[in-house]
Amino acid sequence: MKRNYWILPDTHFGHSAMCEYCGRPSDFVERILKSVKRIVYPNDILIHLGDFCIGSDEIWHRKFMIACIGRCWLIRGNHDRKSLGWYLNHGWDCVVDEIALEIFGKRIVLSHKPIVDRDDFDLNIHGHQHNTVHHPEFEETSKRRLLYIEHLYEPISLRRVVERGGCE
């Protein structure tokens, strides 16, 4: 059975200020949950690049796990402050600070923030910066690829990111 890998960066469920900070529509949560339910299949793996929610953790995790029928991996972001055990007990199949995969002909490291001080990968796929310049200290390079949810509000194909170079 075919397995797809999906990336979902910085959902920030429950963080209403994201509408102001990043220009998100007021229904961004509903859009994300609907797209996850529509796109991710049981054999698929969804990799969340961190900053899952702000407050009401139990509620957001329950809603997300109902919507996502695939396997769910969480790469913790700066707002994901619960213990590993807490996340595993609330539906995640894997919880890490970063993960390295050899896939699609490349060694890929997925992380929340960009990796700037290492060279042990072909490509670093990360979130954290959103569609704004509110983290100007990091710059994009051919080895680092920023993904943000503000363009489509749906999971992004890992294969597409690796082969085509972005989330468009």
Protein backbone atom coordinates (compact mmCIF):
# COMPACT_ATOMS: atom_id res chain seq x y z
CA MET A 1 0.00 0.00 0.00
CA LYS A 2 1.30 3.44 -0.94
CA ARG A 3 2.38 5.74 1.87
CA ASN A 4 2.46 9.52 1.56
CA TYR A 5 4.37 11.85 3.85
CA TRP A 6 2.73 15.16 4.69
CA ILE A 7 4.16 18.21 6.45
CA LEU A 8 2.07 20.57 8.55
CA PRO A 9 3.89 23.56 10.03
CA ASP A 10 2.90 25.89 12.86
CA THR A 11 -0.85 25.40 13.16
CA HIS A 12 -1.04 27.48 16.35
CA PHE A 13 -4.54 26.20 17.13
CA GLY A 14 -6.25 28.47 19.66
CA HIS A 15 -3.95 31.40 18.93
CA SER A 16 -6.32 34.05 17.62
CA ALA A 17 -3.51 36.61 17.29
CA MET A 18 -2.29 34.65 14.25
CA CYS A 19 -4.97 36.46 12.26
CA GLU A 20 -3.21 39.73 13.05
CA TYR A 21 0.41 38.47 13.01
CA CYS A 22 0.23 36.44 9.80
CA GLY A 23 -2.96 37.60 8.08
CA ARG A 24 -4.74 34.30 8.69
CA PRO A 25 -8.49 34.19 8.02
CA SER A 26 -10.73 33.88 11.07
CA ASP A 27 -11.65 30.31 10.05
CA PHE A 28 -8.05 29.08 9.70
CA VAL A 29 -8.59 26.31 12.28
CA GLU A 30 -11.58 24.87 10.43
CA ARG A 31 -9.71 25.07 7.11
CA ILE A 32 -6.73 23.16 8.52
CA LEU A 33 -8.83 20.44 10.18
CA LYS A 34 -10.98 19.93 7.05
CA SER A 35 -7.93 19.68 4.81
CA VAL A 36 -6.20 17.17 7.12
CA LYS A 37 -9.34 15.02 7.09
CA ARG A 38 -9.56 15.23 3.28
CA ILE A 39 -5.87 14.73 2.41
CA VAL A 40 -4.33 12.32 4.94
CA TYR A 41 -5.15 8.60 4.54
CA PRO A 42 -4.70 5.77 7.08
CA ASN A 43 -1.32 4.59 5.75
CA ASP A 44 0.08 8.15 5.49
CA ILE A 45 2.39 9.90 7.91
CA LEU A 46 1.71 13.50 8.88
CA ILE A 47 4.73 15.31 10.32
CA HIS A 48 3.83 18.42 12.29
CA LEU A 49 6.70 20.92 12.45
CA GLY A 50 5.79 22.24 15.88
CA ASP A 51 3.82 25.01 17.56
CA PHE A 52 0.72 22.87 17.49
CA CYS A 53 -1.50 24.96 19.79
CA ILE A 54 -1.57 27.78 22.30
CA GLY A 55 -3.70 26.81 25.31
CA SER A 56 -6.60 24.34 25.57
CA ASP A 57 -4.16 21.56 24.64
CA GLU A 58 -6.53 18.67 25.45
CA ILE A 59 -9.29 20.09 23.25
CA TRP A 60 -7.03 20.84 20.26
CA HIS A 61 -5.30 17.49 20.40
CA ARG A 62 -8.63 15.66 20.55
CA LYS A 63 -10.01 17.63 17.55
CA PHE A 64 -6.86 17.08 15.53
CA MET A 65 -6.61 13.36 16.24
CA ILE A 66 -10.25 12.92 15.20
CA ALA A 67 -9.49 14.70 11.89
CA CYS A 68 -6.20 12.90 11.15
CA ILE A 69 -6.55 9.19 10.48
CA GLY A 70 -2.90 8.73 9.47
CA ARG A 71 0.09 8.30 11.74
CA CYS A 72 1.04 11.57 13.45
CA TRP A 73 4.58 12.65 14.25
CA LEU A 74 5.26 15.83 16.23
CA ILE A 75 8.48 17.77 16.03
CA ARG A 76 8.19 19.98 19.08
CA GLY A 77 8.34 23.72 18.60
CA ASN A 78 8.99 26.52 21.05
CA HIS A 79 5.30 26.53 22.11
CA ASP A 80 5.06 22.74 22.60
CA ARG A 81 6.03 22.59 26.27
CA LYS A 82 4.32 19.44 27.52
CA SER A 83 6.31 16.29 28.30
CA LEU A 84 6.99 13.65 25.68
CA GLY A 85 4.70 11.32 27.58
CA TRP A 86 1.86 13.84 27.54
CA TYR A 87 2.00 14.12 23.75
CA LEU A 88 2.28 10.35 23.28
CA ASN A 89 -0.75 9.88 25.56
CA HIS A 90 -2.70 12.39 23.46
CA GLY A 91 -2.42 10.66 20.10
CA TRP A 92 1.03 11.27 18.67
CA ASP A 93 2.88 8.23 17.35
CA CYS A 94 6.29 9.90 17.53
CA VAL A 95 7.46 13.01 19.42
CA VAL A 96 10.95 14.43 18.82
CA ASP A 97 12.86 17.70 18.66
CA GLU A 98 14.04 16.90 15.13
CA ILE A 99 14.09 13.89 12.84
CA ALA A 100 16.43 12.78 10.06
CA LEU A 101 15.06 10.77 7.14
CA GLU A 102 16.79 9.30 4.12
CA ILE A 103 13.99 9.63 1.60
CA PHE A 104 13.49 10.70 -2.01
CA GLY A 105 17.24 10.46 -2.60
CA LYS A 106 18.21 12.93 0.13
CA ARG A 107 19.15 13.06 3.78
CA ILE A 108 16.51 15.38 5.20
CA VAL A 109 16.38 16.84 8.70
CA LEU A 110 12.96 18.12 9.74
CA SER A 111 12.95 20.64 12.59
CA HIS A 112 10.86 23.45 13.98
CA LYS A 113 13.51 26.16 13.73
CA PRO A 114 16.04 26.27 10.91
CA ILE A 115 19.33 24.50 11.58
CA VAL A 116 22.16 26.95 10.99
CA ASP A 117 25.21 25.43 12.65
CA ARG A 118 25.42 21.92 11.15
CA ASP A 119 26.11 20.34 7.82
CA ASP A 120 25.02 16.69 8.29
CA PHE A 121 22.10 16.83 5.86
CA ASP A 122 21.21 17.63 2.27
CA LEU A 123 18.10 19.55 3.21
CA ASN A 124 16.61 21.03 6.39
CA ILE A 125 12.86 21.50 6.20
CA HIS A 126 11.55 23.74 8.97
CA GLY A 127 8.76 26.03 10.07
CA HIS A 128 8.81 28.68 12.83
CA GLN A 129 9.14 31.78 10.65
CA HIS A 130 5.66 31.81 9.08
CA ASN A 131 4.93 34.06 6.11
CA THR A 132 6.34 37.13 7.83
CA VAL A 133 9.73 38.64 8.51
CA HIS A 134 9.27 38.40 12.25
CA HIS A 135 12.36 36.16 12.47
CA PRO A 136 14.79 37.99 10.15
CA GLU A 137 17.84 36.42 11.81
CA PHE A 138 17.37 33.26 9.69
CA GLU A 139 17.86 33.29 5.97
CA GLU A 140 16.78 30.77 3.38
CA THR A 141 19.51 28.81 1.63
CA SER A 142 19.56 25.94 -0.86
CA LYS A 143 19.96 23.59 2.14
CA ARG A 144 17.17 25.10 4.25
CA ARG A 145 13.55 25.22 3.21
CA LEU A 146 10.97 27.22 5.15
CA LEU A 147 7.41 25.90 5.09
CA TYR A 148 4.48 27.90 6.33
CA ILE A 149 0.80 27.11 6.44
CA GLU A 150 -0.47 30.58 5.58
CA HIS A 151 -0.57 29.93 1.83
CA LEU A 152 -3.00 26.98 1.68
CA TYR A 153 -3.96 25.90 5.23
CA GLU A 154 -3.40 22.26 4.38
CA PRO A 155 -0.72 19.57 4.66
CA ILE A 156 2.16 19.88 2.19
CA SER A 157 3.57 16.84 0.36
CA LEU A 158 7.09 16.05 1.54
CA ARG A 159 7.89 14.59 -1.89
CA ARG A 160 6.79 17.81 -3.56
CA VAL A 161 8.90 19.94 -1.22
CA VAL A 162 11.99 17.80 -1.91
CA GLU A 163 11.48 17.53 -5.68
CA ARG A 164 10.12 20.98 -6.52
CA GLY A 165 11.66 23.07 -3.80
CA GLY A 166 8.75 24.61 -1.99
CA CYS A 167 5.21 24.66 -0.81
CA GLU A 168 3.60 26.39 -3.77
